[in-house]
Amino acid sequence: MPPVAFSSLMAMPSFLDSAEARAFTRAYRRARTWAQGTAAEEVTSREAPFFPGVDRDTLTAAIRRYQTLGCWLGNIDITRDLYEQALEVFLSTGAVRQRHPYEAVVVPPPE
């Protein structure tokens, strides 16, 4: 499968102009870099409390697989190609029922 805009966020335009949005974006970038570059076992130790019903070995294996897939690599911008691929996935699963134009739903992350 080609790359997909895996992690996308939704916010009101007024929020995107705020200091909080810029701080969130910085933290989000750092978290992705950390999750991709840290041993899966360490990521599991930090994330396990958020998944109380998931066995640690299973969680570690899932995190390792996401790392191998490169889910947390690269820029956080959602390019047109990434958006179109994600839209295909969502349409095929029935998660969305219509195509929304890229320009109507995607904006650059706050800096």
Protein backbone atom coordinates (compact mmCIF):
# COMPACT_ATOMS: atom_id res chain seq x y z
CA MET A 1 0.00 0.00 0.00
CA PRO A 2 1.31 3.49 -0.75
CA PRO A 3 1.80 5.94 2.14
CA VAL A 4 -1.37 7.15 3.86
CA ALA A 5 -1.97 10.24 6.00
CA PHE A 6 -2.14 8.03 9.09
CA SER A 7 -2.41 10.60 11.83
CA SER A 8 -4.63 13.51 10.98
CA LEU A 9 -6.12 16.03 13.34
CA MET A 10 -9.27 18.10 13.21
CA ALA A 11 -9.56 21.62 14.63
CA MET A 12 -11.51 24.83 14.23
CA PRO A 13 -9.74 27.53 12.18
CA SER A 14 -9.75 29.83 15.22
CA PHE A 15 -7.75 27.25 17.20
CA LEU A 16 -5.16 26.85 14.44
CA ASP A 17 -4.11 30.49 14.90
CA SER A 18 -3.46 30.07 18.63
CA ALA A 19 -0.31 29.62 20.68
CA GLU A 20 -1.81 26.39 21.99
CA ALA A 21 -2.07 24.98 18.46
CA ARG A 22 1.56 25.86 17.75
CA ALA A 23 2.65 24.24 21.03
CA PHE A 24 0.58 21.15 20.25
CA THR A 25 2.15 20.90 16.80
CA ARG A 26 5.66 21.06 18.26
CA ALA A 27 4.80 18.38 20.82
CA TYR A 28 3.14 16.21 18.16
CA ARG A 29 6.25 16.36 15.96
CA ARG A 30 8.49 15.45 18.91
CA ALA A 31 6.20 12.58 19.94
CA ARG A 32 6.23 11.10 16.43
CA THR A 33 10.02 11.33 16.27
CA TRP A 34 10.30 9.72 19.70
CA ALA A 35 7.84 6.91 18.88
CA GLN A 36 9.66 6.11 15.64
CA GLY A 37 13.19 6.26 17.06
CA THR A 38 12.75 4.64 20.48
CA ALA A 39 12.88 0.91 21.18
CA ALA A 40 9.39 -0.59 20.95
CA GLU A 41 9.72 -1.92 24.51
CA GLU A 42 10.31 1.60 25.85
CA VAL A 43 7.38 3.00 23.88
CA THR A 44 5.25 0.18 25.31
CA SER A 45 6.29 1.04 28.86
CA ARG A 46 5.07 4.61 28.34
CA GLU A 47 1.92 3.76 26.39
CA ALA A 48 0.69 0.62 28.19
CA PRO A 49 -1.44 2.56 30.72
CA PHE A 50 -3.53 3.86 27.80
CA PHE A 51 -4.24 0.26 26.69
CA PRO A 52 -5.19 -1.56 29.91
CA GLY A 53 -6.80 -4.52 28.16
CA VAL A 54 -3.90 -5.18 25.79
CA ASP A 55 -1.13 -7.64 26.64
CA ARG A 56 2.30 -5.92 26.74
CA ASP A 57 3.81 -8.34 24.22
CA THR A 58 0.97 -7.66 21.81
CA LEU A 59 1.33 -3.91 22.26
CA THR A 60 5.09 -4.11 21.74
CA ALA A 61 4.60 -6.14 18.57
CA ALA A 62 2.06 -3.62 17.26
CA ILE A 63 4.35 -0.67 18.01
CA ARG A 64 7.28 -2.44 16.35
CA ARG A 65 5.13 -3.08 13.27
CA TYR A 66 4.09 0.57 13.09
CA GLN A 67 7.76 1.54 13.35
CA THR A 68 8.67 -0.90 10.58
CA LEU A 69 5.91 0.51 8.39
CA GLY A 70 7.28 4.02 9.03
CA CYS A 71 3.95 5.33 10.28
CA TRP A 72 5.65 8.01 12.34
CA LEU A 73 8.28 9.07 9.80
CA GLY A 74 8.38 12.27 7.83
CA ASN A 75 6.64 15.56 7.74
CA ILE A 76 3.26 16.00 9.42
CA ASP A 77 1.81 17.96 6.50
CA ILE A 78 -0.93 16.11 4.65
CA THR A 79 -0.06 16.39 0.98
CA ARG A 80 -2.66 15.93 -1.72
CA ASP A 81 -1.33 12.43 -2.52
CA LEU A 82 -1.52 11.35 1.14
CA TYR A 83 -5.01 12.80 1.45
CA GLU A 84 -6.24 11.04 -1.68
CA GLN A 85 -4.86 7.70 -0.48
CA ALA A 86 -6.47 8.11 2.95
CA LEU A 87 -9.74 9.06 1.28
CA GLU A 88 -9.61 5.87 -0.80
CA VAL A 89 -9.16 3.83 2.38
CA PHE A 90 -12.02 5.60 4.15
CA LEU A 91 -14.34 5.29 1.14
CA SER A 92 -13.58 1.59 0.70
CA THR A 93 -14.42 0.88 4.34
CA GLY A 94 -17.53 3.05 4.36
CA ALA A 95 -16.04 5.43 6.93
CA VAL A 96 -16.91 8.33 4.60
CA ARG A 97 -19.58 8.46 1.92
CA GLN A 98 -18.38 11.23 -0.35
CA ARG A 99 -15.17 12.80 -1.59
CA HIS A 100 -14.46 16.15 0.02
CA PRO A 101 -12.13 18.44 -1.94
CA TYR A 102 -8.59 18.62 -0.54
CA GLU A 103 -8.76 22.43 -0.43
CA ALA A 104 -11.93 22.29 1.67
CA VAL A 105 -10.56 20.08 4.44
CA VAL A 106 -6.74 20.26 4.60
CA VAL A 107 -4.66 23.17 5.86
CA PRO A 108 -0.96 23.33 6.75
CA PRO A 109 -0.18 22.63 10.41
CA PRO A 110 0.43 25.69 12.58
CA GLU A 111 4.08 26.62 12.92
